[in-house]
Amino acid sequence: MSLMDKTALVTAGAEGIGRAIAQTLVREGAKVHVCDVNAEAIADINRADSDLKGTSGDVTKPADVDRVFKETLARFGDHLDILVNNAGIAGPTGPVESLDPNGWRATFDVNLHGAFHCLQQAVPLMKAQKSGSIVNLSSSAGLFGFPLRTPYAAAKWGVIGLTKSLAMELGPFGIRVNALCPGSVKGPRIDRVIAADAKSRGVKEQEIYDAYVKQVSMRSFVEAQDIAEMVAFICSPRGAMISGQALSVDGHTETLGAIDL
C-alpha cells in the first residue's frame, strides 16, 4: 500500500482517530502535516515526532484554514496528494425541540462547513497536478437515522452528499473522493456520547453501551486503527479506482434507531 513520498494533510490529526490516521500514513511512507484545534496537542507533536508536524487551527475559521495550508505547503511545496477531512464533533443530544440552536449550528460548522473550507484550498492544488485523494469522515450516522442525535446525523448525511457530488465534479481531473463511515469507535469520544445519551433517556450508561454493542453484527466497537488502515488503503495505488463511495468500517451496524432498554 506504499504511499512513499506522497504528501498529506489530516485535520483534527493530533489525537484520537486523526492521530492514528496520520501515523499510519507516515508508516506507509507519506509526508504528513496535521492541524488541530488543540494547540497543546499540536505542540506535543512538533516537539516529539520528527515525521509528523502540525499547525494549530480551527477548521470553522477560514483564516485559520488559510494559515494551515500555508504552513503545510511551506513543507511540501505547491503539492498535496491526500486530504483527510477528519475534524468533527458529536454535537448536542436530545429531542429536537430541546436542542440549543447554537449547538446545532456548531455541529454543521465543524462536521460539514470545516470540510468545505479545506476543500476550497486543496482542490485547486489537486486540479493543477491532475491527481489526488480526498477522504471525508462521515459516520454510520450518515447512513441511518439517529434519534436524539439529529444534528450529528444530518451533518454526516451532508458529508456523504458532498462526497458523491465532488467525486463526479473532480473525477475528470484524476481526483478521487470518498467518505469513510466509522461505527462506534472505542475511546473518550464515544464514552461522552454514551453518557449524554444515558442522561437524555434517564438510564444508566452501561445500558446504553450494551444497546449500542447489540446494534453491531460483530458485537464490538471498532478501533481508531481500523479507520486508519482503511484511509491508507483507499489513498494508496490499490484504491486507484475507488471513488464516490461511502465506505463503512463498523462491524456492520444494523440500526441506530432501535434501542430497546
Protein backbone atom coordinates (compact mmCIF):
# COMPACT_ATOMS: atom_id res chain seq x y z
CA MET A 1 0.00 0.00 0.00
CA SER A 2 3.05 2.23 -0.35
CA LEU A 3 2.42 5.97 -0.14
CA MET A 4 6.12 6.74 -0.46
CA ASP A 5 6.74 10.47 -0.91
CA LYS A 6 3.03 11.29 -1.07
CA THR A 7 2.02 14.42 0.85
CA ALA A 8 -0.99 14.53 3.16
CA LEU A 9 -2.91 16.88 5.40
CA VAL A 10 -5.09 15.42 8.17
CA THR A 11 -7.46 17.71 10.04
CA ALA A 12 -8.02 17.07 13.76
CA GLY A 13 -4.91 14.96 13.44
CA ALA A 14 -3.30 15.44 16.84
CA GLU A 15 -5.42 13.00 18.80
CA GLY A 16 -7.74 10.01 18.50
CA ILE A 17 -8.75 8.80 15.04
CA GLY A 18 -6.89 11.64 13.32
CA ARG A 19 -3.61 10.83 15.07
CA ALA A 20 -3.99 7.15 14.14
CA ILE A 21 -4.62 8.14 10.51
CA ALA A 22 -1.63 10.48 10.42
CA GLN A 23 0.76 7.96 11.95
CA THR A 24 -0.45 5.20 9.62
CA LEU A 25 0.10 7.39 6.55
CA VAL A 26 3.62 8.10 7.82
CA ARG A 27 4.17 4.36 8.29
CA GLU A 28 3.24 3.87 4.63
CA GLY A 29 5.80 6.43 3.52
CA ALA A 30 3.78 9.65 3.28
CA LYS A 31 4.90 13.08 4.41
CA VAL A 32 2.14 14.21 6.74
CA HIS A 33 1.05 17.52 8.22
CA VAL A 34 -1.80 17.77 10.70
CA CYS A 35 -3.92 20.54 12.10
CA ASP A 36 -5.92 20.54 15.30
CA VAL A 37 -7.84 22.97 17.45
CA ASN A 38 -5.95 21.58 20.46
CA ALA A 39 -2.85 23.77 20.47
CA GLU A 40 -1.22 21.80 23.29
CA ALA A 41 -1.52 18.52 21.38
CA ILE A 42 -0.01 20.16 18.30
CA ALA A 43 2.88 21.47 20.40
CA ASP A 44 3.48 17.93 21.69
CA ILE A 45 3.62 16.60 18.12
CA ASN A 46 6.03 19.28 17.00
CA ARG A 47 8.32 18.54 19.94
CA ALA A 48 8.20 14.75 19.87
CA ASP A 49 7.55 13.44 16.37
CA SER A 50 10.10 14.14 13.66
CA ASP A 51 7.91 12.59 10.97
CA LEU A 52 4.75 14.49 11.86
CA LYS A 53 4.40 18.23 12.07
CA GLY A 54 1.33 20.26 12.80
CA THR A 55 -0.41 23.60 12.90
CA SER A 56 -2.89 24.75 15.49
CA GLY A 57 -6.10 25.87 13.82
CA ASP A 58 -9.89 25.76 13.80
CA VAL A 59 -11.37 24.47 10.53
CA THR A 60 -14.52 26.54 11.07
CA LYS A 61 -12.44 29.71 10.60
CA PRO A 62 -11.31 30.38 7.01
CA ALA A 63 -8.37 32.47 8.22
CA ASP A 64 -7.13 29.54 10.31
CA VAL A 65 -7.54 27.16 7.37
CA ASP A 66 -5.58 29.55 5.17
CA ARG A 67 -2.74 29.56 7.73
CA VAL A 68 -2.84 25.75 8.00
CA PHE A 69 -2.42 25.40 4.25
CA LYS A 70 0.35 27.99 4.11
CA GLU A 71 2.33 26.07 6.72
CA THR A 72 1.57 22.73 5.06
CA LEU A 73 2.74 23.95 1.65
CA ALA A 74 5.81 25.54 3.19
CA ARG A 75 6.83 21.95 3.97
CA PHE A 76 5.58 20.30 0.80
CA GLY A 77 5.77 22.97 -1.90
CA ASP A 78 2.67 23.57 -4.01
CA HIS A 79 1.72 19.92 -3.89
CA LEU A 80 -0.84 17.94 -1.91
CA ASP A 81 -1.71 14.33 -2.68
CA ILE A 82 -4.07 13.50 0.19
CA LEU A 83 -6.59 15.49 2.21
CA VAL A 84 -8.33 13.79 5.13
CA ASN A 85 -11.22 15.88 6.46
CA ASN A 86 -11.39 14.26 9.86
CA ALA A 87 -12.43 17.19 12.08
CA GLY A 88 -15.76 16.60 13.76
CA ILE A 89 -17.74 16.98 16.96
CA ALA A 90 -20.53 14.90 18.46
CA GLY A 91 -22.94 17.80 18.83
CA PRO A 92 -25.82 18.01 21.28
CA THR A 93 -28.00 15.08 22.32
CA GLY A 94 -31.73 15.29 22.99
CA PRO A 95 -35.18 15.68 21.45
CA VAL A 96 -35.11 18.12 18.56
CA GLU A 97 -37.37 20.63 20.32
CA SER A 98 -34.94 20.84 23.24
CA LEU A 99 -31.76 21.44 21.25
CA ASP A 100 -29.78 24.65 21.53
CA PRO A 101 -29.69 26.27 18.07
CA ASN A 102 -26.08 27.27 18.71
CA GLY A 103 -25.17 23.63 19.29
CA TRP A 104 -26.96 22.66 16.08
CA ARG A 105 -25.04 25.28 14.08
CA ALA A 106 -21.72 24.34 15.68
CA THR A 107 -22.20 20.70 14.65
CA PHE A 108 -22.60 21.72 11.00
CA ASP A 109 -19.80 24.29 11.24
CA VAL A 110 -17.23 21.68 12.25
CA ASN A 111 -18.50 18.50 10.59
CA LEU A 112 -19.54 19.93 7.22
CA HIS A 113 -18.50 23.56 6.77
CA GLY A 114 -14.98 22.84 8.05
CA ALA A 115 -14.53 20.26 5.31
CA PHE A 116 -15.75 22.82 2.76
CA HIS A 117 -13.17 25.38 3.89
CA CYS A 118 -10.36 22.83 3.49
CA LEU A 119 -11.65 21.65 0.12
CA GLN A 120 -11.57 25.17 -1.24
CA GLN A 121 -7.84 25.28 -0.51
CA ALA A 122 -6.95 21.72 -1.55
CA VAL A 123 -8.93 21.27 -4.76
CA PRO A 124 -7.06 23.91 -6.85
CA LEU A 125 -3.76 22.24 -5.91
CA MET A 126 -5.02 18.80 -6.89
CA LYS A 127 -6.59 20.06 -10.11
CA ALA A 128 -3.29 21.64 -11.13
CA GLN A 129 -1.41 18.35 -10.63
CA LYS A 130 -4.34 16.28 -12.05
CA SER A 131 -4.31 13.84 -9.16
CA GLY A 132 -5.29 13.50 -5.53
CA SER A 133 -7.30 11.56 -2.98
CA ILE A 134 -9.80 13.20 -0.62
CA VAL A 135 -11.30 11.33 2.33
CA ASN A 136 -14.18 12.93 4.19
CA LEU A 137 -15.10 11.44 7.55
CA SER A 138 -18.79 10.71 7.75
CA SER A 139 -20.27 8.09 10.10
CA SER A 140 -22.66 5.19 10.28
CA ALA A 141 -24.98 8.00 11.42
CA GLY A 142 -24.66 9.32 7.86
CA LEU A 143 -26.34 6.15 6.62
CA PHE A 144 -29.08 5.73 9.26
CA GLY A 145 -31.46 7.94 11.14
CA PHE A 146 -30.22 8.51 14.69
CA PRO A 147 -32.87 9.59 17.21
CA LEU A 148 -31.72 12.16 19.78
CA ARG A 149 -28.62 12.83 17.61
CA THR A 150 -30.31 14.73 14.77
CA PRO A 151 -27.67 17.47 14.22
CA TYR A 152 -24.85 14.95 14.04
CA ALA A 153 -26.72 12.59 11.72
CA ALA A 154 -27.87 15.41 9.45
CA ALA A 155 -24.35 16.84 9.15
CA LYS A 156 -22.86 13.42 8.43
CA TRP A 157 -25.50 12.76 5.75
CA GLY A 158 -24.40 16.08 4.28
CA VAL A 159 -20.80 14.84 4.17
CA ILE A 160 -21.86 11.91 2.02
CA GLY A 161 -23.79 14.18 -0.35
CA LEU A 162 -20.75 16.43 -0.59
CA THR A 163 -18.52 13.44 -1.27
CA LYS A 164 -20.62 11.93 -4.04
CA SER A 165 -21.07 15.30 -5.75
CA LEU A 166 -17.36 16.08 -5.62
CA ALA A 167 -16.43 12.63 -6.94
CA MET A 168 -18.41 13.50 -10.07
CA GLU A 169 -17.02 17.03 -10.25
CA LEU A 170 -13.38 16.13 -9.69
CA GLY A 171 -13.07 12.70 -11.30
CA PRO A 172 -12.17 14.18 -14.72
CA PHE A 173 -9.14 15.78 -13.02
CA GLY A 174 -7.90 12.44 -11.68
CA ILE A 175 -9.07 13.25 -8.13
CA ARG A 176 -10.78 10.56 -6.08
CA VAL A 177 -13.23 11.50 -3.31
CA ASN A 178 -14.61 9.05 -0.74
CA ALA A 179 -16.47 9.18 2.54
CA LEU A 180 -15.49 6.92 5.40
CA CYS A 181 -18.25 5.87 7.77
CA PRO A 182 -16.93 4.65 11.13
CA GLY A 183 -19.25 2.98 13.58
CA SER A 184 -18.78 3.47 17.31
CA VAL A 185 -15.04 3.88 17.84
CA LYS A 186 -13.55 2.95 21.21
CA GLY A 187 -12.30 5.95 23.13
CA PRO A 188 -13.23 9.04 25.13
CA ARG A 189 -15.49 10.49 22.43
CA ILE A 190 -17.93 7.56 22.32
CA ASP A 191 -17.82 7.46 26.12
CA ARG A 192 -19.07 11.07 26.16
CA VAL A 193 -21.77 10.26 23.60
CA ILE A 194 -22.97 7.33 25.70
CA ALA A 195 -23.02 9.47 28.84
CA ALA A 196 -25.09 12.15 27.08
CA ASP A 197 -27.49 9.55 25.65
CA ALA A 198 -27.93 7.93 29.05
CA LYS A 199 -28.65 11.30 30.66
CA SER A 200 -31.18 12.18 27.96
CA ARG A 201 -33.01 8.87 28.41
CA GLY A 202 -32.69 8.78 32.20
CA VAL A 203 -30.93 5.39 32.27
CA LYS A 204 -27.53 4.03 33.27
CA GLU A 205 -24.58 4.42 30.91
CA GLN A 206 -23.97 0.66 30.88
CA GLU A 207 -27.46 0.14 29.45
CA ILE A 208 -26.71 2.47 26.58
CA TYR A 209 -23.32 0.86 25.98
CA ASP A 210 -24.88 -2.61 25.84
CA ALA A 211 -27.60 -1.37 23.47
CA TYR A 212 -25.03 0.19 21.14
CA VAL A 213 -22.99 -3.02 21.03
CA LYS A 214 -26.10 -5.09 20.24
CA GLN A 215 -26.69 -2.93 17.16
CA VAL A 216 -23.41 -4.15 15.65
CA SER A 217 -23.37 -7.56 13.97
CA MET A 218 -19.84 -8.25 15.23
CA ARG A 219 -20.88 -7.18 18.75
CA SER A 220 -17.88 -4.91 19.20
CA PHE A 221 -16.85 -1.31 18.73
CA VAL A 222 -14.10 -0.58 16.20
CA GLU A 223 -10.63 0.77 16.95
CA ALA A 224 -9.17 4.02 15.64
CA GLN A 225 -6.52 1.93 13.88
CA ASP A 226 -9.24 0.15 11.87
CA ILE A 227 -10.25 3.51 10.43
CA ALA A 228 -6.65 4.48 9.76
CA GLU A 229 -5.94 1.30 7.81
CA MET A 230 -8.91 1.93 5.52
CA VAL A 231 -7.78 5.50 4.86
CA ALA A 232 -4.31 4.25 3.92
CA PHE A 233 -5.80 1.64 1.60
CA ILE A 234 -8.15 3.93 -0.33
CA CYS A 235 -5.43 6.57 -0.72
CA SER A 236 -2.90 4.02 -1.99
CA PRO A 237 -2.44 2.73 -5.54
CA ARG A 238 -4.58 -0.28 -4.55
CA GLY A 239 -7.54 2.05 -4.22
CA ALA A 240 -6.95 3.74 -7.55
CA MET A 241 -10.47 3.13 -8.86
CA ILE A 242 -12.39 3.67 -5.64
CA SER A 243 -14.25 6.98 -5.73
CA GLY A 244 -17.65 8.35 -4.79
CA GLN A 245 -18.16 5.71 -2.13
CA ALA A 246 -19.46 5.78 1.44
CA LEU A 247 -17.29 3.06 2.96
CA SER A 248 -18.33 1.62 6.31
CA VAL A 249 -15.84 0.40 8.89
CA ASP A 250 -18.24 -0.50 11.64
CA GLY A 251 -18.53 -4.25 12.20
CA HIS A 252 -21.82 -3.92 10.28
CA THR A 253 -24.13 -1.52 12.04
CA GLU A 254 -27.64 -2.98 11.78
CA THR A 255 -29.51 0.07 13.06
CA LEU A 256 -29.02 3.20 15.13
CA GLY A 257 -32.66 3.66 15.98
CA ALA A 258 -33.95 0.54 17.65
CA ILE A 259 -32.58 0.89 21.16
CA ASP A 260 -34.60 -1.44 23.37
CA LEU A 261 -33.92 -0.64 27.01
